[in-house]
């Protein structure tokens, strides 16, 4: 078994915090992740059989939200895939993506 891999990506979306929260929950559920989808929390912790994902949404203004996606897995390819996939899914309405 390999050591855990960790990937994270960051973006600022031109979207309200409430819309981004909804988009995050939908993206995680659509991709089969189970976890905590509480409306009043900024963090969404979810998992599938191989990967743990944490998505944090922080309101910067009424029309901008900072999104940070972290994925970890013992499989490097899955961690990289899910981190990128979740950010793409959440920002699918056309945001500038800054990979960190």
Protein backbone atom coordinates (compact mmCIF):
# COMPACT_ATOMS: atom_id res chain seq x y z
CA UNK A 1 0.00 0.00 0.00
CA UNK A 2 1.31 3.42 -0.85
CA UNK A 3 1.48 6.49 1.32
CA UNK A 4 -1.52 8.84 1.25
CA UNK A 5 -1.58 11.46 -1.47
CA UNK A 6 -3.07 14.90 -0.93
CA UNK A 7 -4.23 17.31 -3.64
CA UNK A 8 -5.86 20.67 -3.26
CA UNK A 9 -7.24 23.28 -5.62
CA UNK A 10 -8.52 26.78 -5.00
CA UNK A 11 -10.75 29.17 -6.90
CA UNK A 12 -12.91 32.24 -6.36
CA UNK A 13 -16.34 31.92 -7.93
CA UNK A 14 -18.48 34.85 -9.04
CA UNK A 15 -21.42 33.32 -7.26
CA UNK A 16 -23.16 33.75 -3.94
CA UNK A 17 -22.17 31.63 -0.98
CA UNK A 18 -25.63 30.00 -0.87
CA UNK A 19 -25.43 29.01 -4.55
CA UNK A 20 -21.91 27.65 -4.10
CA UNK A 21 -23.01 25.62 -1.07
CA UNK A 22 -25.84 24.09 -3.11
CA UNK A 23 -23.53 23.38 -6.06
CA UNK A 24 -21.05 21.67 -3.71
CA UNK A 25 -23.67 19.39 -2.16
CA UNK A 26 -25.04 18.46 -5.58
CA UNK A 27 -21.56 17.74 -6.98
CA UNK A 28 -20.62 15.47 -4.07
CA UNK A 29 -23.91 13.59 -4.12
CA UNK A 30 -23.92 13.28 -7.92
CA UNK A 31 -20.48 11.64 -7.81
CA UNK A 32 -21.52 9.16 -5.12
CA UNK A 33 -19.77 10.68 -2.12
CA UNK A 34 -21.29 10.16 1.32
CA UNK A 35 -20.81 12.56 4.19
CA UNK A 36 -21.89 15.70 5.96
CA UNK A 37 -24.00 18.03 3.84
CA UNK A 38 -25.18 20.51 6.45
CA UNK A 39 -26.57 23.78 5.10
CA UNK A 40 -25.13 25.97 7.83
CA UNK A 41 -21.53 24.72 7.64
CA UNK A 42 -18.92 26.09 5.25
CA UNK A 43 -17.13 22.73 5.14
CA UNK A 44 -18.38 19.63 3.34
CA UNK A 45 -16.58 16.44 4.35
CA UNK A 46 -17.36 13.43 2.18
CA UNK A 47 -15.92 10.07 1.22
CA UNK A 48 -16.28 7.18 -1.18
CA UNK A 49 -14.59 3.77 -1.10
CA UNK A 50 -11.12 5.20 -1.86
CA UNK A 51 -11.02 8.96 -1.31
CA UNK A 52 -11.76 11.57 1.35
CA UNK A 53 -12.81 15.02 0.10
CA UNK A 54 -13.13 18.28 2.01
CA UNK A 55 -14.68 21.28 0.29
CA UNK A 56 -14.62 24.64 2.08
CA UNK A 57 -16.72 27.56 0.81
CA UNK A 58 -16.00 30.99 2.31
CA UNK A 59 -18.07 34.06 1.35
CA UNK A 60 -15.86 36.96 0.28
CA UNK A 61 -18.70 39.28 -0.69
CA UNK A 62 -22.38 38.88 -1.60
CA UNK A 63 -21.34 37.83 -5.11
CA UNK A 64 -18.02 36.03 -4.59
CA UNK A 65 -17.13 32.80 -2.81
CA UNK A 66 -13.71 31.28 -2.14
CA UNK A 67 -13.69 27.51 -2.75
CA UNK A 68 -10.96 25.14 -1.53
CA UNK A 69 -11.11 21.45 -2.48
CA UNK A 70 -8.85 18.92 -0.75
CA UNK A 71 -8.78 15.23 -1.67
CA UNK A 72 -6.68 12.48 -0.11
CA UNK A 73 -6.32 8.80 -0.95
CA UNK A 74 -3.79 5.98 -0.78
CA UNK A 75 -4.08 5.99 -4.57
CA UNK A 76 -2.31 9.03 -6.04
CA UNK A 77 -4.34 8.95 -9.24
CA UNK A 78 -7.68 8.92 -7.41
CA UNK A 79 -6.70 11.78 -5.11
CA UNK A 80 -5.63 13.90 -8.08
CA UNK A 81 -8.71 12.95 -10.09
CA UNK A 82 -11.26 13.70 -7.37
CA UNK A 83 -9.71 17.00 -6.32
CA UNK A 84 -9.79 18.28 -9.89
CA UNK A 85 -13.17 16.70 -10.68
CA UNK A 86 -14.90 18.25 -7.68
CA UNK A 87 -13.54 21.72 -8.40
CA UNK A 88 -14.56 21.44 -12.05
CA UNK A 89 -18.02 20.21 -11.09
CA UNK A 90 -18.58 22.98 -8.53
CA UNK A 91 -17.29 25.72 -10.82
CA UNK A 92 -18.99 24.41 -13.97
CA UNK A 93 -20.79 27.73 -14.48
CA UNK A 94 -17.57 29.32 -15.68
CA UNK A 95 -15.15 30.52 -13.01
CA UNK A 96 -11.50 31.33 -13.31
CA UNK A 97 -9.65 28.42 -11.75
CA UNK A 98 -6.43 28.98 -9.87
CA UNK A 99 -4.71 25.68 -9.10
CA UNK A 100 -2.54 25.85 -6.01
